[in-house]
């Protein structure tokens, strides 16, 4: 699905459930794609819980660039993309997330997108050689509950427990979270299950 934004076209790969319990919209890091092992693992978990999943290639990556550019423009394009996908998915809870730079976008835009939660994979707490430059404020100001999944060997750092609703640290993993992708899916499962169970409807009412 191609989605034209004010900052160029984006592309969404959709896995649509017939009657989705929730919509999970995921995106990549600044130098990655939507087939990253951790994204695919979370996708499988969400599909197993009855959710629909969209994996979004943002405009800057679709154009072949590695740098996302100004955060305001990246966020504006993201909100346009999520809006289009939500129109297609219907009125179901939105959970958005991504890995690395994509996790930052998901946090910054959560409130404006109307998300109920954020899944932040390998959130880059600080540049590898500048630990004093913290991005924890992006986690704390998301406006919704955030689950962080990080590796204990991530050179970008690991957020503190106080920075998010829950921080899951995976032993032996670095920033790419590709040593055991299935563990990433397992870490996300309880978080996503919160929106998997919906009230039974009878006679048009819950």
N, C-alpha and C. Protein backbone atom coordinates (compact mmCIF):
# COMPACT_ATOMS: atom_id res chain seq x y z
N UNK A 1 0.86 -1.19 0.00
CA UNK A 1 0.00 0.00 0.00
C UNK A 1 0.89 1.23 0.00
N UNK A 2 0.82 2.04 -1.07
CA UNK A 2 1.58 3.28 -1.12
C UNK A 2 0.74 4.42 -0.55
N UNK A 3 1.37 5.23 0.27
CA UNK A 3 0.68 6.35 0.91
C UNK A 3 1.50 7.61 0.63
N UNK A 4 0.89 8.56 -0.04
CA UNK A 4 1.56 9.81 -0.37
C UNK A 4 1.43 10.77 0.81
N UNK A 5 2.57 11.29 1.27
CA UNK A 5 2.57 12.26 2.36
C UNK A 5 3.13 13.59 1.86
N UNK A 6 3.08 14.58 2.72
CA UNK A 6 3.63 15.90 2.36
C UNK A 6 5.13 15.85 2.18
N UNK A 7 5.77 14.78 2.64
CA UNK A 7 7.22 14.68 2.56
C UNK A 7 7.66 13.47 1.73
N UNK A 8 6.81 13.09 0.80
CA UNK A 8 7.14 11.99 -0.10
C UNK A 8 6.32 10.75 0.18
N UNK A 9 6.35 9.79 -0.74
CA UNK A 9 5.56 8.58 -0.56
C UNK A 9 6.16 7.65 0.49
N UNK A 10 5.27 6.97 1.20
CA UNK A 10 5.63 5.90 2.12
C UNK A 10 4.99 4.62 1.62
N UNK A 11 5.39 3.52 2.20
CA UNK A 11 4.84 2.23 1.79
C UNK A 11 4.53 1.39 3.02
N UNK A 12 3.36 0.78 3.03
CA UNK A 12 2.96 -0.06 4.16
C UNK A 12 2.70 -1.48 3.68
N UNK A 13 3.30 -2.44 4.36
CA UNK A 13 3.03 -3.85 4.12
C UNK A 13 1.99 -4.28 5.15
N UNK A 14 0.83 -4.72 4.67
CA UNK A 14 -0.30 -4.99 5.55
C UNK A 14 -0.55 -6.48 5.71
N UNK A 15 -0.78 -6.88 6.94
CA UNK A 15 -1.30 -8.22 7.27
C UNK A 15 -2.60 -7.97 8.01
N UNK A 16 -3.72 -8.16 7.31
CA UNK A 16 -5.02 -7.74 7.85
C UNK A 16 -5.82 -8.94 8.35
N UNK A 17 -6.23 -8.87 9.61
CA UNK A 17 -7.12 -9.88 10.17
C UNK A 17 -8.55 -9.59 9.71
N UNK A 18 -9.36 -10.64 9.61
CA UNK A 18 -10.74 -10.46 9.15
C UNK A 18 -11.54 -9.60 10.12
N UNK A 19 -11.33 -9.79 11.41
CA UNK A 19 -12.01 -9.01 12.44
C UNK A 19 -10.98 -8.66 13.50
N UNK A 20 -10.14 -7.68 13.23
CA UNK A 20 -8.98 -7.44 14.09
C UNK A 20 -9.35 -6.97 15.49
N UNK A 21 -8.60 -7.47 16.47
CA UNK A 21 -8.78 -7.02 17.85
C UNK A 21 -8.07 -5.68 18.06
N UNK A 22 -6.99 -5.45 17.33
CA UNK A 22 -6.23 -4.21 17.45
C UNK A 22 -5.42 -4.03 16.17
N UNK A 23 -4.86 -2.86 16.02
CA UNK A 23 -3.97 -2.55 14.89
C UNK A 23 -2.60 -2.21 15.44
N UNK A 24 -1.59 -2.92 14.96
CA UNK A 24 -0.21 -2.64 15.32
C UNK A 24 0.50 -2.06 14.11
N UNK A 25 1.02 -0.85 14.24
CA UNK A 25 1.76 -0.20 13.16
C UNK A 25 3.21 -0.09 13.59
N UNK A 26 4.10 -0.69 12.81
CA UNK A 26 5.52 -0.76 13.14
C UNK A 26 6.36 -0.08 12.07
N UNK A 27 7.53 0.41 12.46
CA UNK A 27 8.44 0.97 11.48
C UNK A 27 9.88 0.67 11.86
N UNK A 28 10.77 0.98 10.95
CA UNK A 28 12.17 0.59 10.98
C UNK A 28 13.05 1.63 11.66
N UNK A 29 14.34 1.34 11.72
CA UNK A 29 15.33 2.29 12.20
C UNK A 29 15.82 3.18 11.07
N UNK A 30 16.78 4.04 11.38
CA UNK A 30 17.21 5.03 10.39
C UNK A 30 17.95 4.40 9.22
N UNK A 31 18.50 3.21 9.40
CA UNK A 31 19.25 2.58 8.32
C UNK A 31 18.78 1.14 8.12
N UNK A 32 17.47 0.92 8.29
CA UNK A 32 16.96 -0.44 8.21
C UNK A 32 15.72 -0.53 7.35
N UNK A 33 15.04 -1.67 7.44
CA UNK A 33 13.84 -1.90 6.67
C UNK A 33 12.80 -2.63 7.49
N UNK A 34 11.68 -2.92 6.87
CA UNK A 34 10.56 -3.51 7.59
C UNK A 34 10.69 -5.02 7.77
N UNK A 35 11.77 -5.60 7.26
CA UNK A 35 12.00 -7.03 7.44
C UNK A 35 13.05 -7.31 8.51
N UNK A 36 13.32 -6.35 9.37
CA UNK A 36 14.25 -6.58 10.49
C UNK A 36 13.72 -7.73 11.34
N UNK A 37 14.60 -8.60 11.83
CA UNK A 37 14.15 -9.79 12.57
C UNK A 37 13.24 -9.49 13.75
N UNK A 38 13.54 -8.43 14.50
CA UNK A 38 12.71 -8.14 15.67
C UNK A 38 11.32 -7.66 15.25
N UNK A 39 11.23 -6.89 14.17
CA UNK A 39 9.92 -6.45 13.68
C UNK A 39 9.10 -7.65 13.22
N UNK A 40 9.74 -8.58 12.52
CA UNK A 40 9.02 -9.76 12.04
C UNK A 40 8.55 -10.63 13.20
N UNK A 41 9.36 -10.72 14.25
CA UNK A 41 8.97 -11.52 15.42
C UNK A 41 7.75 -10.91 16.10
N UNK A 42 7.74 -9.60 16.25
CA UNK A 42 6.60 -8.93 16.87
C UNK A 42 5.37 -9.05 15.97
N UNK A 43 5.57 -8.96 14.68
CA UNK A 43 4.47 -9.15 13.73
C UNK A 43 3.80 -10.51 13.94
N UNK A 44 4.61 -11.58 14.05
CA UNK A 44 4.05 -12.91 14.23
C UNK A 44 3.26 -13.00 15.53
N UNK A 45 3.78 -12.38 16.58
CA UNK A 45 3.08 -12.39 17.86
C UNK A 45 1.73 -11.69 17.75
N UNK A 46 1.72 -10.53 17.11
CA UNK A 46 0.48 -9.76 16.99
C UNK A 46 -0.55 -10.50 16.15
N UNK A 47 -0.10 -11.12 15.06
CA UNK A 47 -1.04 -11.88 14.22
C UNK A 47 -1.62 -13.06 14.98
N UNK A 48 -0.80 -13.69 15.81
CA UNK A 48 -1.28 -14.81 16.61
C UNK A 48 -2.31 -14.41 17.66
N UNK A 49 -2.32 -13.13 18.01
CA UNK A 49 -3.29 -12.61 18.98
C UNK A 49 -4.52 -12.01 18.31
N UNK A 50 -4.59 -12.12 17.00
CA UNK A 50 -5.77 -11.62 16.28
C UNK A 50 -5.69 -10.18 15.87
N UNK A 51 -4.49 -9.60 15.88
CA UNK A 51 -4.35 -8.21 15.46
C UNK A 51 -4.04 -8.09 13.99
N UNK A 52 -4.28 -6.92 13.44
CA UNK A 52 -3.79 -6.57 12.11
C UNK A 52 -2.45 -5.85 12.29
N UNK A 53 -1.56 -6.02 11.33
CA UNK A 53 -0.22 -5.44 11.43
C UNK A 53 0.12 -4.70 10.15
N UNK A 54 0.66 -3.50 10.32
CA UNK A 54 1.19 -2.74 9.19
C UNK A 54 2.64 -2.42 9.48
N UNK A 55 3.52 -2.76 8.53
CA UNK A 55 4.93 -2.42 8.65
C UNK A 55 5.21 -1.31 7.64
N UNK A 56 5.65 -0.17 8.14
CA UNK A 56 5.72 1.04 7.33
C UNK A 56 7.16 1.38 6.96
N UNK A 57 7.39 1.54 5.65
CA UNK A 57 8.64 2.10 5.15
C UNK A 57 8.43 3.60 5.00
N UNK A 58 9.12 4.36 5.82
CA UNK A 58 8.93 5.80 5.84
C UNK A 58 9.49 6.46 4.57
N UNK A 59 9.03 7.68 4.26
CA UNK A 59 9.44 8.33 3.01
C UNK A 59 10.95 8.45 2.83
N UNK A 60 11.69 8.76 3.89
CA UNK A 60 13.13 8.96 3.71
C UNK A 60 13.84 7.67 3.32
N UNK A 61 13.38 6.53 3.83
CA UNK A 61 13.99 5.25 3.46
C UNK A 61 13.54 4.80 2.08
N UNK A 62 12.28 5.04 1.76
CA UNK A 62 11.79 4.68 0.43
C UNK A 62 12.53 5.46 -0.65
N UNK A 63 12.99 6.65 -0.29
CA UNK A 63 13.76 7.48 -1.21
C UNK A 63 15.25 7.12 -1.21
N UNK A 64 15.64 6.15 -0.38
CA UNK A 64 17.01 5.69 -0.36
C UNK A 64 17.92 6.42 0.58
N UNK A 65 17.37 7.26 1.45
CA UNK A 65 18.20 8.02 2.38
C UNK A 65 18.35 7.27 3.70
N UNK A 66 19.47 7.51 4.37
CA UNK A 66 19.72 6.89 5.68
C UNK A 66 19.36 7.83 6.82
N UNK A 67 19.45 9.11 6.59
CA UNK A 67 19.14 10.09 7.63
C UNK A 67 17.67 10.48 7.54
N UNK A 68 16.94 10.44 8.66
CA UNK A 68 15.50 10.75 8.61
C UNK A 68 15.18 12.22 8.41
N UNK A 69 16.15 13.10 8.63
CA UNK A 69 15.87 14.53 8.48
C UNK A 69 15.23 15.10 9.73
N UNK A 70 14.68 16.31 9.63
CA UNK A 70 14.09 16.97 10.81
C UNK A 70 12.98 16.13 11.44
N UNK A 71 12.98 16.06 12.76
CA UNK A 71 11.99 15.25 13.47
C UNK A 71 10.57 15.71 13.17
N UNK A 72 10.35 17.02 13.06
CA UNK A 72 9.00 17.53 12.83
C UNK A 72 8.44 17.02 11.51
N UNK A 73 9.27 16.98 10.46
CA UNK A 73 8.80 16.50 9.16
C UNK A 73 8.59 15.00 9.18
N UNK A 74 9.47 14.28 9.85
CA UNK A 74 9.30 12.84 9.97
C UNK A 74 8.01 12.50 10.71
N UNK A 75 7.75 13.21 11.79
CA UNK A 75 6.54 12.97 12.57
C UNK A 75 5.28 13.32 11.78
N UNK A 76 5.35 14.41 11.03
CA UNK A 76 4.19 14.81 10.22
C UNK A 76 3.85 13.74 9.19
N UNK A 77 4.87 13.22 8.51
CA UNK A 77 4.64 12.17 7.53
C UNK A 77 4.10 10.91 8.19
N UNK A 78 4.64 10.59 9.36
CA UNK A 78 4.18 9.39 10.09
C UNK A 78 2.70 9.49 10.43
N UNK A 79 2.28 10.63 10.91
CA UNK A 79 0.88 10.79 11.28
C UNK A 79 -0.04 10.69 10.07
N UNK A 80 0.41 11.16 8.92
CA UNK A 80 -0.38 11.00 7.70
C UNK A 80 -0.52 9.52 7.35
N UNK A 81 0.58 8.79 7.46
CA UNK A 81 0.56 7.36 7.14
C UNK A 81 -0.36 6.60 8.09
N UNK A 82 -0.20 6.85 9.38
CA UNK A 82 -1.03 6.14 10.37
C UNK A 82 -2.51 6.48 10.17
N UNK A 83 -2.80 7.72 9.84
CA UNK A 83 -4.19 8.11 9.60
C UNK A 83 -4.81 7.31 8.46
N UNK A 84 -4.06 7.13 7.38
CA UNK A 84 -4.59 6.36 6.24
C UNK A 84 -4.79 4.90 6.61
N UNK A 85 -3.85 4.35 7.34
CA UNK A 85 -3.97 2.93 7.71
C UNK A 85 -5.15 2.74 8.66
N UNK A 86 -5.35 3.66 9.57
CA UNK A 86 -6.48 3.54 10.51
C UNK A 86 -7.81 3.63 9.78
N UNK A 87 -7.90 4.44 8.75
CA UNK A 87 -9.13 4.49 7.96
C UNK A 87 -9.46 3.12 7.39
N UNK A 88 -8.45 2.41 6.98
CA UNK A 88 -8.65 1.08 6.38
C UNK A 88 -8.95 0.03 7.45
N UNK A 89 -8.32 0.18 8.63
CA UNK A 89 -8.44 -0.85 9.67
C UNK A 89 -9.74 -0.76 10.46
N UNK A 90 -10.33 0.41 10.51
CA UNK A 90 -11.55 0.56 11.29
C UNK A 90 -11.29 0.99 12.71
N UNK A 91 -12.33 1.01 13.50
CA UNK A 91 -12.27 1.54 14.87
C UNK A 91 -11.80 0.47 15.84
N UNK A 92 -10.49 0.23 15.86
CA UNK A 92 -9.89 -0.73 16.78
C UNK A 92 -8.73 -0.02 17.49
N UNK A 93 -8.32 -0.52 18.65
CA UNK A 93 -7.20 0.12 19.36
C UNK A 93 -5.93 0.14 18.50
N UNK A 94 -5.24 1.26 18.54
CA UNK A 94 -3.99 1.41 17.81
C UNK A 94 -2.81 1.30 18.77
N UNK A 95 -1.91 0.39 18.46
CA UNK A 95 -0.62 0.31 19.14
C UNK A 95 0.43 0.62 18.08
N UNK A 96 1.31 1.57 18.35
CA UNK A 96 2.34 1.85 17.36
C UNK A 96 3.71 1.65 17.96
N UNK A 97 4.65 1.36 17.08
CA UNK A 97 5.99 1.09 17.58
C UNK A 97 6.99 1.00 16.45
N UNK A 98 8.21 0.67 16.84
CA UNK A 98 9.27 0.55 15.86
C UNK A 98 10.57 0.26 16.56
N UNK A 99 11.61 0.14 15.76
CA UNK A 99 12.92 -0.11 16.33
C UNK A 99 13.81 1.12 16.17
N UNK A 100 14.61 1.42 17.17
CA UNK A 100 15.59 2.49 17.16
C UNK A 100 14.94 3.84 16.81
N UNK A 101 15.35 4.46 15.70
CA UNK A 101 14.74 5.74 15.33
C UNK A 101 13.23 5.62 15.20
N UNK A 102 12.75 4.48 14.72
CA UNK A 102 11.31 4.28 14.60
C UNK A 102 10.61 4.28 15.94
N UNK A 103 11.30 3.80 16.98
CA UNK A 103 10.73 3.85 18.33
C UNK A 103 10.60 5.28 18.81
N UNK A 104 11.56 6.12 18.45
CA UNK A 104 11.48 7.54 18.81
C UNK A 104 10.27 8.20 18.15
N UNK A 105 10.07 7.92 16.88
CA UNK A 105 8.92 8.48 16.16
C UNK A 105 7.61 8.04 16.83
N UNK A 106 7.53 6.75 17.16
CA UNK A 106 6.31 6.21 17.77
C UNK A 106 6.01 6.89 19.10
N UNK A 107 7.05 7.18 19.87
CA UNK A 107 6.85 7.86 21.15
C UNK A 107 6.43 9.32 20.94
N UNK A 108 7.11 10.01 20.05
CA UNK A 108 6.82 11.43 19.84
C UNK A 108 5.42 11.68 19.31
N UNK A 109 4.88 10.73 18.55
CA UNK A 109 3.59 10.95 17.88
C UNK A 109 2.43 10.19 18.52
N UNK A 110 2.68 9.45 19.59
CA UNK A 110 1.65 8.56 20.14
C UNK A 110 0.37 9.28 20.49
N UNK A 111 0.51 10.40 21.16
CA UNK A 111 -0.68 11.13 21.59
C UNK A 111 -1.48 11.65 20.39
N UNK A 112 -0.77 12.25 19.43
CA UNK A 112 -1.44 12.81 18.25
C UNK A 112 -2.07 11.73 17.39
N UNK A 113 -1.48 10.55 17.38
CA UNK A 113 -2.01 9.45 16.57
C UNK A 113 -3.21 8.78 17.22
N UNK A 114 -3.41 9.01 18.51
CA UNK A 114 -4.49 8.35 19.22
C UNK A 114 -4.15 6.92 19.62
N UNK A 115 -2.86 6.65 19.80
CA UNK A 115 -2.43 5.31 20.18
C UNK A 115 -2.77 5.01 21.63
N UNK A 116 -2.99 3.73 21.92
CA UNK A 116 -3.23 3.30 23.30
C UNK A 116 -1.95 2.83 23.97
N UNK A 117 -0.91 2.58 23.19
CA UNK A 117 0.36 2.13 23.74
C UNK A 117 1.44 2.19 22.68
N UNK A 118 2.69 2.14 23.13
CA UNK A 118 3.84 2.17 22.24
C UNK A 118 4.77 1.01 22.57
N UNK A 119 5.25 0.37 21.53
CA UNK A 119 6.24 -0.70 21.65
C UNK A 119 7.56 -0.16 21.09
N UNK A 120 8.52 0.08 21.97
CA UNK A 120 9.79 0.70 21.58
C UNK A 120 10.89 -0.36 21.61
N UNK A 121 11.31 -0.80 20.44
CA UNK A 121 12.35 -1.81 20.32
C UNK A 121 13.70 -1.11 20.15
N UNK A 122 14.67 -1.48 21.00
CA UNK A 122 16.02 -0.91 20.92
C UNK A 122 15.98 0.61 20.91
N UNK A 123 15.20 1.18 21.82
CA UNK A 123 15.13 2.64 21.89
C UNK A 123 16.54 3.20 22.09
N UNK A 124 16.99 4.11 21.22
CA UNK A 124 18.37 4.63 21.31
C UNK A 124 18.47 5.73 22.36
N UNK A 125 18.73 5.33 23.59
CA UNK A 125 18.70 6.27 24.71
C UNK A 125 19.69 7.41 24.53
N UNK A 126 20.84 7.11 23.96
CA UNK A 126 21.84 8.15 23.72
C UNK A 126 22.76 7.70 22.58
N UNK A 127 23.45 8.63 21.92
CA UNK A 127 24.45 8.23 20.93
C UNK A 127 25.51 7.36 21.60
N UNK A 128 26.08 6.39 20.89
CA UNK A 128 27.02 5.45 21.51
C UNK A 128 28.18 6.10 22.24
N UNK A 129 28.68 7.21 21.74
CA UNK A 129 29.84 7.83 22.37
C UNK A 129 29.49 9.11 23.14
N UNK A 130 28.21 9.29 23.41
CA UNK A 130 27.79 10.50 24.13
C UNK A 130 26.68 10.16 25.11
N UNK A 131 26.98 9.40 26.17
CA UNK A 131 25.94 8.96 27.12
C UNK A 131 25.28 10.10 27.87
N UNK A 132 25.88 11.28 27.87
CA UNK A 132 25.27 12.41 28.57
C UNK A 132 24.09 12.99 27.79
N UNK A 133 23.99 12.66 26.50
CA UNK A 133 22.91 13.20 25.67
C UNK A 133 21.73 12.22 25.68
N UNK A 134 20.90 12.33 26.70
CA UNK A 134 19.80 11.38 26.89
C UNK A 134 18.55 11.80 26.11
N UNK A 135 17.85 10.77 25.59
CA UNK A 135 16.57 10.99 24.91
C UNK A 135 15.42 10.44 25.75
N UNK A 136 15.65 10.26 27.02
CA UNK A 136 14.63 9.69 27.89
C UNK A 136 13.35 10.51 27.90
N UNK A 137 13.45 11.81 27.67
CA UNK A 137 12.26 12.66 27.66
C UNK A 137 11.26 12.22 26.60
N UNK A 138 11.74 11.66 25.49
CA UNK A 138 10.81 11.19 24.46
C UNK A 138 9.98 10.02 24.97
N UNK A 139 10.57 9.18 25.79
CA UNK A 139 9.82 8.08 26.40
C UNK A 139 8.82 8.62 27.42
N UNK A 140 9.30 9.51 28.27
CA UNK A 140 8.46 10.00 29.36
C UNK A 140 7.31 10.87 28.90
N UNK A 141 7.46 11.51 27.74
CA UNK A 141 6.42 12.43 27.25
C UNK A 141 5.52 11.80 26.20
N UNK A 142 5.57 10.48 26.05
CA UNK A 142 4.75 9.83 25.02
C UNK A 142 3.26 10.04 25.25
N UNK A 143 2.85 10.16 26.50
CA UNK A 143 1.43 10.37 26.79
C UNK A 143 0.63 9.09 26.90
N UNK A 144 1.26 7.95 26.60
CA UNK A 144 0.64 6.63 26.74
C UNK A 144 1.69 5.71 27.35
N UNK A 145 1.27 4.53 27.76
CA UNK A 145 2.23 3.59 28.34
C UNK A 145 3.15 3.03 27.25
N UNK A 146 4.42 2.91 27.60
CA UNK A 146 5.44 2.46 26.65
C UNK A 146 6.12 1.20 27.19
N UNK A 147 6.23 0.20 26.33
CA UNK A 147 7.05 -0.98 26.61
C UNK A 147 8.35 -0.84 25.82
N UNK A 148 9.47 -0.88 26.53
CA UNK A 148 10.79 -0.87 25.89
C UNK A 148 11.37 -2.27 25.93
N UNK A 149 11.88 -2.73 24.78
CA UNK A 149 12.61 -4.00 24.72
C UNK A 149 14.01 -3.67 24.21
N UNK A 150 15.01 -3.90 25.06
CA UNK A 150 16.39 -3.57 24.73
C UNK A 150 17.31 -4.74 25.04
N UNK A 151 18.48 -4.73 24.42
CA UNK A 151 19.52 -5.70 24.74
C UNK A 151 20.46 -5.15 25.78
N UNK A 152 20.97 -6.02 26.63
CA UNK A 152 21.85 -5.53 27.70
C UNK A 152 23.23 -5.12 27.19
N UNK A 153 23.52 -5.39 25.92
CA UNK A 153 24.80 -5.00 25.33
C UNK A 153 24.62 -3.90 24.28
N UNK A 154 23.52 -3.20 24.33
CA UNK A 154 23.22 -2.16 23.34
C UNK A 154 24.12 -0.95 23.59
N UNK A 155 24.96 -0.56 22.60
CA UNK A 155 25.83 0.61 22.80
C UNK A 155 25.07 1.93 22.86
N UNK A 156 23.80 1.91 22.46
CA UNK A 156 22.97 3.11 22.57
C UNK A 156 22.35 3.25 23.96
N UNK A 157 22.62 2.31 24.84
CA UNK A 157 22.13 2.39 26.20
C UNK A 157 20.79 1.72 26.41
N UNK A 158 20.45 1.54 27.68
CA UNK A 158 19.18 0.92 28.07
C UNK A 158 18.44 1.89 28.97
N UNK A 159 17.20 2.23 28.65
CA UNK A 159 16.44 3.15 29.50
C UNK A 159 16.28 2.61 30.93
N UNK A 160 16.13 3.51 31.87
CA UNK A 160 15.86 3.12 33.25
C UNK A 160 14.42 2.65 33.38
N UNK A 161 14.16 1.90 34.42
CA UNK A 161 12.80 1.41 34.65
C UNK A 161 11.80 2.55 34.80
N UNK A 162 12.26 3.69 35.30
CA UNK A 162 11.36 4.83 35.51
C UNK A 162 11.03 5.57 34.22
N UNK A 163 11.72 5.23 33.12
CA UNK A 163 11.52 5.96 31.86
C UNK A 163 10.31 5.48 31.07
N UNK A 164 9.78 4.30 31.39
CA UNK A 164 8.68 3.72 30.63
C UNK A 164 7.81 2.89 31.57
N UNK A 165 6.66 2.46 31.05
CA UNK A 165 5.79 1.62 31.88
C UNK A 165 6.48 0.30 32.21
N UNK A 166 7.25 -0.21 31.26
CA UNK A 166 7.97 -1.46 31.49
C UNK A 166 9.19 -1.48 30.59
N UNK A 167 10.32 -1.92 31.13
CA UNK A 167 11.55 -2.08 30.36
C UNK A 167 11.99 -3.53 30.45
N UNK A 168 12.00 -4.20 29.32
CA UNK A 168 12.42 -5.60 29.24
C UNK A 168 13.82 -5.64 28.63
N UNK A 169 14.77 -6.18 29.38
CA UNK A 169 16.16 -6.24 28.94
C UNK A 169 16.52 -7.68 28.60
N UNK A 170 16.96 -7.91 27.38
CA UNK A 170 17.27 -9.25 26.89
C UNK A 170 18.77 -9.50 26.96
N UNK A 171 19.15 -10.56 27.63
CA UNK A 171 20.56 -10.87 27.84
C UNK A 171 21.25 -11.22 26.52
N UNK A 172 22.44 -10.67 26.34
CA UNK A 172 23.26 -11.00 25.18
C UNK A 172 22.91 -10.27 23.90
N UNK A 173 21.85 -9.47 23.92
CA UNK A 173 21.42 -8.77 22.70
C UNK A 173 22.10 -7.41 22.58
N UNK A 174 22.42 -7.04 21.34
CA UNK A 174 22.92 -5.71 21.05
C UNK A 174 21.79 -4.88 20.42
N UNK A 175 22.15 -3.83 19.73
CA UNK A 175 21.14 -2.90 19.22
C UNK A 175 20.23 -3.53 18.17
N UNK A 176 20.76 -4.49 17.41
CA UNK A 176 19.95 -5.06 16.33
C UNK A 176 18.93 -6.09 16.82
N UNK A 177 19.04 -6.55 18.04
CA UNK A 177 18.09 -7.52 18.62
C UNK A 177 17.87 -8.72 17.70
N UNK A 178 18.93 -9.20 17.08
CA UNK A 178 18.76 -10.30 16.13
C UNK A 178 19.38 -11.62 16.58
N UNK A 179 19.89 -11.65 17.81
CA UNK A 179 20.47 -12.90 18.32
C UNK A 179 19.37 -13.94 18.56
N UNK A 180 18.28 -13.51 19.14
CA UNK A 180 17.12 -14.40 19.39
C UNK A 180 15.84 -13.60 19.17
N UNK A 181 15.46 -13.38 17.90
CA UNK A 181 14.27 -12.57 17.64
C UNK A 181 13.01 -13.09 18.31
N UNK A 182 12.91 -14.40 18.46
CA UNK A 182 11.71 -14.96 19.09
C UNK A 182 11.54 -14.43 20.51
N UNK A 183 12.66 -14.14 21.19
CA UNK A 183 12.58 -13.59 22.55
C UNK A 183 11.96 -12.20 22.53
N UNK A 184 12.18 -11.46 21.46
CA UNK A 184 11.56 -10.14 21.33
C UNK A 184 10.05 -10.30 21.21
N UNK A 185 9.62 -11.25 20.39
CA UNK A 185 8.19 -11.52 20.27
C UNK A 185 7.57 -11.94 21.58
N UNK A 186 8.28 -12.76 22.34
CA UNK A 186 7.76 -13.20 23.64
C UNK A 186 7.67 -12.03 24.62
N UNK A 187 8.63 -11.12 24.54
CA UNK A 187 8.60 -9.96 25.43
C UNK A 187 7.42 -9.05 25.12
N UNK A 188 7.04 -8.98 23.85
CA UNK A 188 5.94 -8.11 23.44
C UNK A 188 4.57 -8.74 23.68
N UNK A 189 4.53 -10.06 23.82
CA UNK A 189 3.24 -10.77 23.87
C UNK A 189 2.31 -10.32 24.99
N UNK A 190 2.76 -10.21 26.24
CA UNK A 190 1.83 -9.76 27.29
C UNK A 190 1.33 -8.34 27.05
N UNK A 191 2.18 -7.51 26.48
CA UNK A 191 1.81 -6.11 26.19
C UNK A 191 0.69 -6.07 25.16
N UNK A 192 0.85 -6.82 24.08
CA UNK A 192 -0.15 -6.82 23.01
C UNK A 192 -1.42 -7.55 23.43
N UNK A 193 -1.29 -8.54 24.29
CA UNK A 193 -2.46 -9.30 24.73
C UNK A 193 -3.47 -8.41 25.46
N UNK A 194 -3.02 -7.31 26.01
CA UNK A 194 -3.92 -6.39 26.71
C UNK A 194 -5.04 -5.89 25.80
N UNK A 195 -4.73 -5.81 24.50
CA UNK A 195 -5.74 -5.30 23.55
C UNK A 195 -6.30 -6.41 22.67
N UNK A 196 -5.91 -7.64 22.94
CA UNK A 196 -6.39 -8.75 22.11
C UNK A 196 -7.78 -9.21 22.52
N UNK A 197 -8.12 -9.07 23.81
CA UNK A 197 -9.42 -9.54 24.29
C UNK A 197 -10.41 -8.39 24.25
N UNK A 198 -11.48 -8.54 23.49
CA UNK A 198 -12.52 -7.52 23.38
C UNK A 198 -13.83 -8.04 23.94
N UNK A 199 -14.68 -7.16 24.45
CA UNK A 199 -15.98 -7.60 24.97
C UNK A 199 -16.81 -8.31 23.90
N UNK A 200 -17.55 -9.34 24.32
CA UNK A 200 -18.45 -10.04 23.41
C UNK A 200 -19.65 -9.15 23.13
N UNK A 201 -20.01 -9.02 21.88
CA UNK A 201 -21.14 -8.18 21.49
C UNK A 201 -22.39 -9.04 21.31
N UNK A 202 -23.49 -8.62 21.90
CA UNK A 202 -24.76 -9.31 21.73
C UNK A 202 -25.83 -8.29 21.43
N UNK A 203 -26.58 -8.52 20.39
CA UNK A 203 -27.66 -7.61 20.05
C UNK A 203 -27.18 -6.23 19.71
N UNK A 204 -25.92 -6.14 19.20
CA UNK A 204 -25.39 -4.83 18.81
C UNK A 204 -24.82 -4.04 19.96
N UNK A 205 -24.81 -4.64 21.19
CA UNK A 205 -24.27 -3.94 22.34
C UNK A 205 -23.20 -4.79 23.00
N UNK A 206 -22.29 -4.10 23.70
CA UNK A 206 -21.28 -4.83 24.44
C UNK A 206 -21.85 -5.32 25.77
